[in-house]
N, C-alpha and C. Protein backbone atom coordinates (compact mmCIF):
# COMPACT_ATOMS: atom_id res chain seq x y z
N MET A 1 -39.74 0.51 12.27
CA MET A 1 -40.40 -0.24 13.33
C MET A 1 -41.82 -0.63 12.92
N THR A 2 -42.47 0.23 12.13
CA THR A 2 -43.82 -0.10 11.67
C THR A 2 -43.78 -1.28 10.72
N ALA A 3 -42.82 -1.28 9.81
CA ALA A 3 -42.71 -2.38 8.86
C ALA A 3 -42.41 -3.70 9.58
N ALA A 4 -41.56 -3.66 10.59
CA ALA A 4 -41.23 -4.88 11.35
C ALA A 4 -42.48 -5.43 12.04
N ALA A 5 -43.29 -4.55 12.62
CA ALA A 5 -44.53 -4.99 13.25
C ALA A 5 -45.47 -5.59 12.21
N GLY A 6 -45.54 -4.97 11.04
CA GLY A 6 -46.40 -5.48 9.99
C GLY A 6 -45.95 -6.83 9.47
N VAL A 7 -44.66 -6.98 9.26
CA VAL A 7 -44.14 -8.27 8.77
C VAL A 7 -44.37 -9.37 9.79
N ALA A 8 -44.09 -9.10 11.06
CA ALA A 8 -44.30 -10.11 12.10
C ALA A 8 -45.76 -10.53 12.18
N THR A 9 -46.65 -9.55 12.14
CA THR A 9 -48.08 -9.84 12.21
C THR A 9 -48.53 -10.64 11.00
N LEU A 10 -48.09 -10.22 9.82
CA LEU A 10 -48.46 -10.92 8.59
C LEU A 10 -47.96 -12.36 8.60
N LEU A 11 -46.72 -12.57 9.02
CA LEU A 11 -46.17 -13.92 9.06
C LEU A 11 -46.91 -14.82 10.05
N LEU A 12 -47.25 -14.27 11.20
CA LEU A 12 -48.04 -15.05 12.17
C LEU A 12 -49.39 -15.42 11.59
N GLY A 13 -50.02 -14.47 10.90
CA GLY A 13 -51.31 -14.74 10.28
C GLY A 13 -51.23 -15.80 9.20
N LEU A 14 -50.23 -15.70 8.33
CA LEU A 14 -50.06 -16.70 7.27
C LEU A 14 -49.79 -18.09 7.86
N ALA A 15 -48.98 -18.14 8.92
CA ALA A 15 -48.70 -19.42 9.57
C ALA A 15 -49.98 -20.02 10.16
N ALA A 16 -50.83 -19.19 10.75
CA ALA A 16 -52.07 -19.71 11.34
C ALA A 16 -53.04 -20.17 10.26
N LEU A 17 -53.04 -19.50 9.11
CA LEU A 17 -53.89 -19.95 8.01
C LEU A 17 -53.43 -21.30 7.46
N ALA A 18 -52.13 -21.44 7.28
CA ALA A 18 -51.59 -22.65 6.66
C ALA A 18 -51.40 -23.81 7.64
N TYR A 19 -51.03 -23.50 8.86
CA TYR A 19 -50.69 -24.53 9.85
C TYR A 19 -51.38 -24.27 11.18
N PRO A 20 -52.70 -24.34 11.23
CA PRO A 20 -53.38 -23.99 12.49
C PRO A 20 -53.01 -24.90 13.65
N GLU A 21 -52.76 -26.18 13.38
CA GLU A 21 -52.40 -27.08 14.47
C GLU A 21 -51.07 -26.68 15.10
N ARG A 22 -50.10 -26.30 14.27
CA ARG A 22 -48.79 -25.90 14.79
C ARG A 22 -48.90 -24.60 15.58
N MET A 23 -49.69 -23.67 15.07
CA MET A 23 -49.87 -22.41 15.80
C MET A 23 -50.60 -22.64 17.12
N MET A 24 -51.55 -23.57 17.12
CA MET A 24 -52.24 -23.90 18.38
C MET A 24 -51.24 -24.43 19.39
N ALA A 25 -50.35 -25.30 18.95
CA ALA A 25 -49.34 -25.84 19.85
C ALA A 25 -48.41 -24.73 20.33
N PHE A 26 -48.09 -23.80 19.42
CA PHE A 26 -47.19 -22.69 19.76
C PHE A 26 -47.77 -21.83 20.88
N VAL A 27 -49.09 -21.57 20.84
CA VAL A 27 -49.71 -20.73 21.87
C VAL A 27 -50.30 -21.55 23.02
N GLY A 28 -50.15 -22.88 22.96
CA GLY A 28 -50.58 -23.71 24.08
C GLY A 28 -52.04 -24.13 24.04
N PHE A 29 -52.66 -24.10 22.87
CA PHE A 29 -54.05 -24.52 22.74
C PHE A 29 -54.12 -25.98 22.32
N ALA A 30 -55.24 -26.62 22.63
CA ALA A 30 -55.46 -28.00 22.23
C ALA A 30 -56.95 -28.21 21.97
N VAL A 31 -57.25 -29.16 21.09
CA VAL A 31 -58.64 -29.53 20.84
C VAL A 31 -59.04 -30.53 21.92
N LEU A 32 -60.03 -30.16 22.75
CA LEU A 32 -60.45 -31.04 23.83
C LEU A 32 -61.45 -32.07 23.37
N ASN A 33 -62.30 -31.71 22.43
CA ASN A 33 -63.33 -32.60 21.94
C ASN A 33 -63.13 -32.80 20.44
N PRO A 34 -62.75 -34.01 20.01
CA PRO A 34 -62.50 -34.24 18.58
C PRO A 34 -63.70 -33.89 17.69
N ALA A 35 -64.90 -33.94 18.25
CA ALA A 35 -66.08 -33.59 17.46
C ALA A 35 -66.10 -32.11 17.08
N HIS A 36 -65.33 -31.30 17.81
CA HIS A 36 -65.29 -29.86 17.54
C HIS A 36 -63.99 -29.42 16.87
N ALA A 37 -63.20 -30.36 16.39
CA ALA A 37 -61.89 -30.03 15.82
C ALA A 37 -62.01 -29.05 14.65
N ALA A 38 -62.97 -29.28 13.76
CA ALA A 38 -63.11 -28.39 12.60
C ALA A 38 -63.45 -26.97 13.05
N ALA A 39 -64.30 -26.83 14.05
CA ALA A 39 -64.66 -25.50 14.54
C ALA A 39 -63.46 -24.82 15.20
N VAL A 40 -62.67 -25.58 15.94
CA VAL A 40 -61.49 -25.02 16.61
C VAL A 40 -60.47 -24.58 15.57
N LEU A 41 -60.23 -25.42 14.56
CA LEU A 41 -59.27 -25.05 13.52
C LEU A 41 -59.77 -23.84 12.73
N GLY A 42 -61.06 -23.78 12.49
CA GLY A 42 -61.63 -22.62 11.80
C GLY A 42 -61.48 -21.35 12.62
N GLU A 43 -61.66 -21.46 13.91
CA GLU A 43 -61.47 -20.30 14.80
C GLU A 43 -60.01 -19.85 14.77
N MET A 44 -59.10 -20.80 14.79
CA MET A 44 -57.67 -20.48 14.72
C MET A 44 -57.34 -19.80 13.41
N ARG A 45 -57.85 -20.35 12.31
CA ARG A 45 -57.59 -19.74 11.00
C ARG A 45 -58.23 -18.36 10.89
N GLY A 46 -59.41 -18.19 11.47
CA GLY A 46 -60.10 -16.91 11.39
C GLY A 46 -59.45 -15.84 12.24
N THR A 47 -59.25 -16.14 13.51
CA THR A 47 -58.75 -15.14 14.45
C THR A 47 -57.25 -14.92 14.29
N TYR A 48 -56.47 -15.98 14.37
CA TYR A 48 -55.02 -15.84 14.28
C TYR A 48 -54.53 -15.83 12.85
N GLY A 49 -55.35 -16.26 11.92
CA GLY A 49 -54.97 -16.29 10.51
C GLY A 49 -55.45 -15.08 9.76
N GLY A 50 -56.71 -15.11 9.35
CA GLY A 50 -57.25 -14.05 8.51
C GLY A 50 -57.16 -12.67 9.14
N LEU A 51 -57.51 -12.57 10.39
CA LEU A 51 -57.46 -11.27 11.07
C LEU A 51 -56.04 -10.72 11.14
N PHE A 52 -55.08 -11.57 11.46
CA PHE A 52 -53.69 -11.13 11.56
C PHE A 52 -53.11 -10.80 10.18
N VAL A 53 -53.52 -11.53 9.14
CA VAL A 53 -53.04 -11.21 7.80
C VAL A 53 -53.47 -9.80 7.41
N VAL A 54 -54.74 -9.48 7.61
CA VAL A 54 -55.22 -8.14 7.26
C VAL A 54 -54.58 -7.09 8.15
N LEU A 55 -54.46 -7.36 9.43
CA LEU A 55 -53.80 -6.43 10.35
C LEU A 55 -52.36 -6.17 9.91
N GLY A 56 -51.66 -7.21 9.53
CA GLY A 56 -50.28 -7.06 9.06
C GLY A 56 -50.20 -6.29 7.76
N MET A 57 -51.12 -6.56 6.82
CA MET A 57 -51.11 -5.84 5.55
C MET A 57 -51.40 -4.35 5.75
N LEU A 58 -52.36 -4.04 6.61
CA LEU A 58 -52.66 -2.63 6.88
C LEU A 58 -51.49 -1.92 7.55
N THR A 59 -50.79 -2.64 8.42
CA THR A 59 -49.62 -2.07 9.08
C THR A 59 -48.51 -1.82 8.07
N LEU A 60 -48.29 -2.78 7.17
CA LEU A 60 -47.26 -2.59 6.14
C LEU A 60 -47.61 -1.44 5.21
N GLN A 61 -48.87 -1.32 4.86
CA GLN A 61 -49.29 -0.21 4.01
C GLN A 61 -49.02 1.13 4.71
N ALA A 62 -49.33 1.21 5.98
CA ALA A 62 -49.07 2.44 6.74
C ALA A 62 -47.58 2.71 6.87
N ALA A 63 -46.76 1.65 6.88
CA ALA A 63 -45.32 1.82 7.02
C ALA A 63 -44.70 2.52 5.82
N LEU A 64 -45.37 2.47 4.68
CA LEU A 64 -44.84 3.13 3.48
C LEU A 64 -44.76 4.64 3.65
N ASP A 65 -45.70 5.20 4.41
CA ASP A 65 -45.71 6.64 4.66
C ASP A 65 -46.42 6.90 5.98
N PRO A 66 -45.72 6.69 7.10
CA PRO A 66 -46.35 6.84 8.41
C PRO A 66 -46.99 8.21 8.64
N GLY A 67 -46.38 9.25 8.14
CA GLY A 67 -46.93 10.59 8.33
C GLY A 67 -48.28 10.77 7.67
N ALA A 68 -48.50 10.08 6.58
CA ALA A 68 -49.78 10.18 5.87
C ALA A 68 -50.83 9.23 6.42
N HIS A 69 -50.43 8.32 7.28
CA HIS A 69 -51.35 7.30 7.81
C HIS A 69 -51.42 7.35 9.33
N ARG A 70 -51.38 8.53 9.89
CA ARG A 70 -51.40 8.67 11.34
C ARG A 70 -52.62 8.02 11.98
N GLY A 71 -53.79 8.31 11.43
CA GLY A 71 -55.02 7.76 12.00
C GLY A 71 -55.03 6.25 11.98
N ARG A 72 -54.59 5.67 10.86
CA ARG A 72 -54.54 4.21 10.75
C ARG A 72 -53.58 3.63 11.77
N LEU A 73 -52.41 4.26 11.94
CA LEU A 73 -51.43 3.75 12.90
C LEU A 73 -51.97 3.80 14.33
N VAL A 74 -52.66 4.89 14.66
CA VAL A 74 -53.25 4.98 16.00
C VAL A 74 -54.30 3.89 16.18
N ARG A 75 -55.15 3.68 15.18
CA ARG A 75 -56.17 2.63 15.29
C ARG A 75 -55.54 1.25 15.42
N LEU A 76 -54.49 0.99 14.63
CA LEU A 76 -53.80 -0.30 14.73
C LEU A 76 -53.17 -0.46 16.12
N GLY A 77 -52.57 0.61 16.63
CA GLY A 77 -52.01 0.57 17.98
C GLY A 77 -53.09 0.30 19.02
N CYS A 78 -54.27 0.89 18.82
CA CYS A 78 -55.37 0.66 19.76
C CYS A 78 -55.85 -0.79 19.72
N LEU A 79 -55.80 -1.42 18.55
CA LEU A 79 -56.16 -2.84 18.47
C LEU A 79 -55.20 -3.68 19.32
N TRP A 80 -53.91 -3.40 19.19
CA TRP A 80 -52.93 -4.14 20.00
C TRP A 80 -53.09 -3.80 21.48
N LEU A 81 -53.42 -2.55 21.77
CA LEU A 81 -53.67 -2.17 23.17
C LEU A 81 -54.88 -2.93 23.71
N GLY A 82 -55.89 -3.12 22.89
CA GLY A 82 -57.06 -3.91 23.30
C GLY A 82 -56.67 -5.36 23.62
N ALA A 83 -55.81 -5.94 22.79
CA ALA A 83 -55.33 -7.30 23.06
C ALA A 83 -54.56 -7.34 24.38
N CYS A 84 -53.71 -6.33 24.59
CA CYS A 84 -52.94 -6.24 25.83
C CYS A 84 -53.87 -6.10 27.04
N ALA A 85 -54.88 -5.24 26.91
CA ALA A 85 -55.82 -5.04 28.02
C ALA A 85 -56.61 -6.30 28.31
N GLY A 86 -56.99 -7.03 27.27
CA GLY A 86 -57.69 -8.29 27.48
C GLY A 86 -56.84 -9.29 28.23
N ARG A 87 -55.57 -9.36 27.86
CA ARG A 87 -54.66 -10.27 28.58
C ARG A 87 -54.47 -9.81 30.03
N ALA A 88 -54.36 -8.50 30.23
CA ALA A 88 -54.19 -7.98 31.60
C ALA A 88 -55.43 -8.28 32.44
N LEU A 89 -56.61 -8.17 31.85
CA LEU A 89 -57.83 -8.54 32.56
C LEU A 89 -57.80 -10.02 32.94
N GLY A 90 -57.29 -10.84 32.02
CA GLY A 90 -57.14 -12.27 32.31
C GLY A 90 -56.21 -12.53 33.47
N VAL A 91 -55.14 -11.77 33.56
CA VAL A 91 -54.21 -11.90 34.70
C VAL A 91 -54.94 -11.56 35.99
N TYR A 92 -55.71 -10.48 35.95
CA TYR A 92 -56.45 -10.05 37.15
C TYR A 92 -57.50 -11.08 37.57
N LEU A 93 -58.26 -11.58 36.59
CA LEU A 93 -59.36 -12.50 36.91
C LEU A 93 -58.92 -13.95 37.08
N ASP A 94 -57.91 -14.37 36.29
CA ASP A 94 -57.57 -15.79 36.22
C ASP A 94 -56.24 -16.15 36.86
N GLY A 95 -55.40 -15.16 37.11
CA GLY A 95 -54.11 -15.43 37.73
C GLY A 95 -52.96 -15.41 36.74
N ASN A 96 -51.83 -15.85 37.20
CA ASN A 96 -50.59 -15.83 36.45
C ASN A 96 -50.73 -16.66 35.17
N PRO A 97 -50.49 -16.04 33.98
CA PRO A 97 -50.65 -16.79 32.74
C PRO A 97 -49.41 -17.59 32.35
N GLY A 98 -48.38 -17.53 33.14
CA GLY A 98 -47.15 -18.24 32.79
C GLY A 98 -46.27 -17.39 31.89
N LEU A 99 -45.09 -17.88 31.62
CA LEU A 99 -44.10 -17.13 30.85
C LEU A 99 -44.64 -16.71 29.49
N PHE A 100 -45.25 -17.63 28.75
CA PHE A 100 -45.74 -17.30 27.42
C PHE A 100 -46.83 -16.23 27.50
N GLY A 101 -47.70 -16.31 28.47
CA GLY A 101 -48.76 -15.32 28.63
C GLY A 101 -48.22 -13.94 28.91
N TRP A 102 -47.22 -13.86 29.79
CA TRP A 102 -46.60 -12.57 30.09
C TRP A 102 -45.85 -12.03 28.87
N LEU A 103 -45.18 -12.93 28.15
CA LEU A 103 -44.46 -12.52 26.95
C LEU A 103 -45.44 -11.97 25.91
N ALA A 104 -46.56 -12.65 25.72
CA ALA A 104 -47.57 -12.18 24.77
C ALA A 104 -48.13 -10.82 25.18
N LEU A 105 -48.40 -10.64 26.47
CA LEU A 105 -48.88 -9.35 26.96
C LEU A 105 -47.86 -8.25 26.67
N GLY A 106 -46.60 -8.55 26.91
CA GLY A 106 -45.54 -7.58 26.65
C GLY A 106 -45.41 -7.25 25.17
N ILE A 107 -45.50 -8.24 24.32
CA ILE A 107 -45.42 -8.01 22.87
C ILE A 107 -46.59 -7.14 22.42
N ASP A 108 -47.78 -7.44 22.91
CA ASP A 108 -48.95 -6.62 22.56
C ASP A 108 -48.73 -5.17 22.97
N ALA A 109 -48.21 -4.96 24.17
CA ALA A 109 -47.97 -3.59 24.65
C ALA A 109 -46.92 -2.88 23.82
N VAL A 110 -45.84 -3.58 23.50
CA VAL A 110 -44.77 -2.98 22.69
C VAL A 110 -45.28 -2.61 21.30
N LEU A 111 -46.02 -3.51 20.67
CA LEU A 111 -46.58 -3.20 19.35
C LEU A 111 -47.51 -1.99 19.41
N ALA A 112 -48.34 -1.93 20.44
CA ALA A 112 -49.25 -0.79 20.59
C ALA A 112 -48.45 0.51 20.71
N ILE A 113 -47.45 0.51 21.54
CA ILE A 113 -46.64 1.71 21.76
C ILE A 113 -45.90 2.09 20.48
N LEU A 114 -45.28 1.12 19.82
CA LEU A 114 -44.52 1.42 18.60
C LEU A 114 -45.41 2.00 17.51
N LEU A 115 -46.60 1.44 17.34
CA LEU A 115 -47.48 1.93 16.29
C LEU A 115 -47.98 3.35 16.59
N VAL A 116 -48.30 3.61 17.85
CA VAL A 116 -48.75 4.96 18.21
C VAL A 116 -47.59 5.95 18.07
N LEU A 117 -46.38 5.54 18.44
CA LEU A 117 -45.21 6.41 18.26
C LEU A 117 -44.94 6.66 16.78
N ALA A 118 -45.14 5.64 15.95
CA ALA A 118 -44.93 5.80 14.51
C ALA A 118 -45.90 6.82 13.93
N ALA A 119 -47.07 6.95 14.55
CA ALA A 119 -48.05 7.92 14.08
C ALA A 119 -47.58 9.35 14.30
N ARG A 120 -46.56 9.52 15.11
CA ARG A 120 -46.02 10.85 15.38
C ARG A 120 -45.00 11.26 14.33
N ALA A 121 -44.77 10.41 13.32
CA ALA A 121 -43.81 10.74 12.26
C ALA A 121 -44.25 12.03 11.57
N PRO A 122 -43.30 12.79 11.08
CA PRO A 122 -43.68 14.05 10.43
C PRO A 122 -44.56 13.81 9.22
N ALA A 123 -45.52 14.68 9.05
CA ALA A 123 -46.41 14.60 7.89
C ALA A 123 -45.64 14.97 6.64
N PRO A 124 -46.02 14.41 5.50
CA PRO A 124 -45.32 14.76 4.27
C PRO A 124 -45.52 16.23 3.95
N THR A 125 -44.47 16.84 3.43
CA THR A 125 -44.54 18.24 3.04
C THR A 125 -45.12 18.33 1.63
N PRO A 126 -46.20 19.08 1.45
CA PRO A 126 -46.77 19.17 0.11
C PRO A 126 -45.82 19.90 -0.83
N VAL A 127 -45.72 19.38 -2.03
CA VAL A 127 -44.88 19.99 -3.05
C VAL A 127 -45.77 20.89 -3.89
N PRO A 128 -45.39 22.17 -4.01
CA PRO A 128 -46.23 23.06 -4.81
C PRO A 128 -46.22 22.64 -6.27
N ALA A 129 -47.35 22.78 -6.89
CA ALA A 129 -47.47 22.42 -8.30
C ALA A 129 -46.70 23.44 -9.15
N ALA A 130 -46.12 22.93 -10.22
CA ALA A 130 -45.38 23.80 -11.13
C ALA A 130 -46.37 24.69 -11.88
N PRO A 131 -46.01 25.93 -12.10
CA PRO A 131 -46.93 26.82 -12.83
C PRO A 131 -47.15 26.34 -14.26
N VAL A 132 -48.36 26.47 -14.71
CA VAL A 132 -48.70 26.07 -16.07
C VAL A 132 -48.44 27.25 -16.99
N ALA A 133 -47.69 27.00 -18.02
CA ALA A 133 -47.36 28.10 -18.95
C ALA A 133 -48.39 28.24 -20.05
């Protein structure tokens, strides 16, 4: 489950880096002022691109040995929980975000829960060193 979260995050990040306009359309964003298009695309590449690429890579690295990366998995889960909480605050302050907004909130919550649960994986058992003759 950790690897699946990492792959999904990494792929979303790579897509935002390479195709920010398509990702903007996917999440329902639009450039309102053509004079600010470069700044908007840069924000998309930075937040949904670069940040998600690193988040996905760190998640994949932790997936190799969840028991040895408990702290990292909890921190990654907390990042997704923060995204979920931000969306929930938006629902409270701004109203119904529509189907995509609720879906995104749910995905954030599921990723947070899965990563924190993955941190509960058993720790690796140390192998005693062979005696030196």
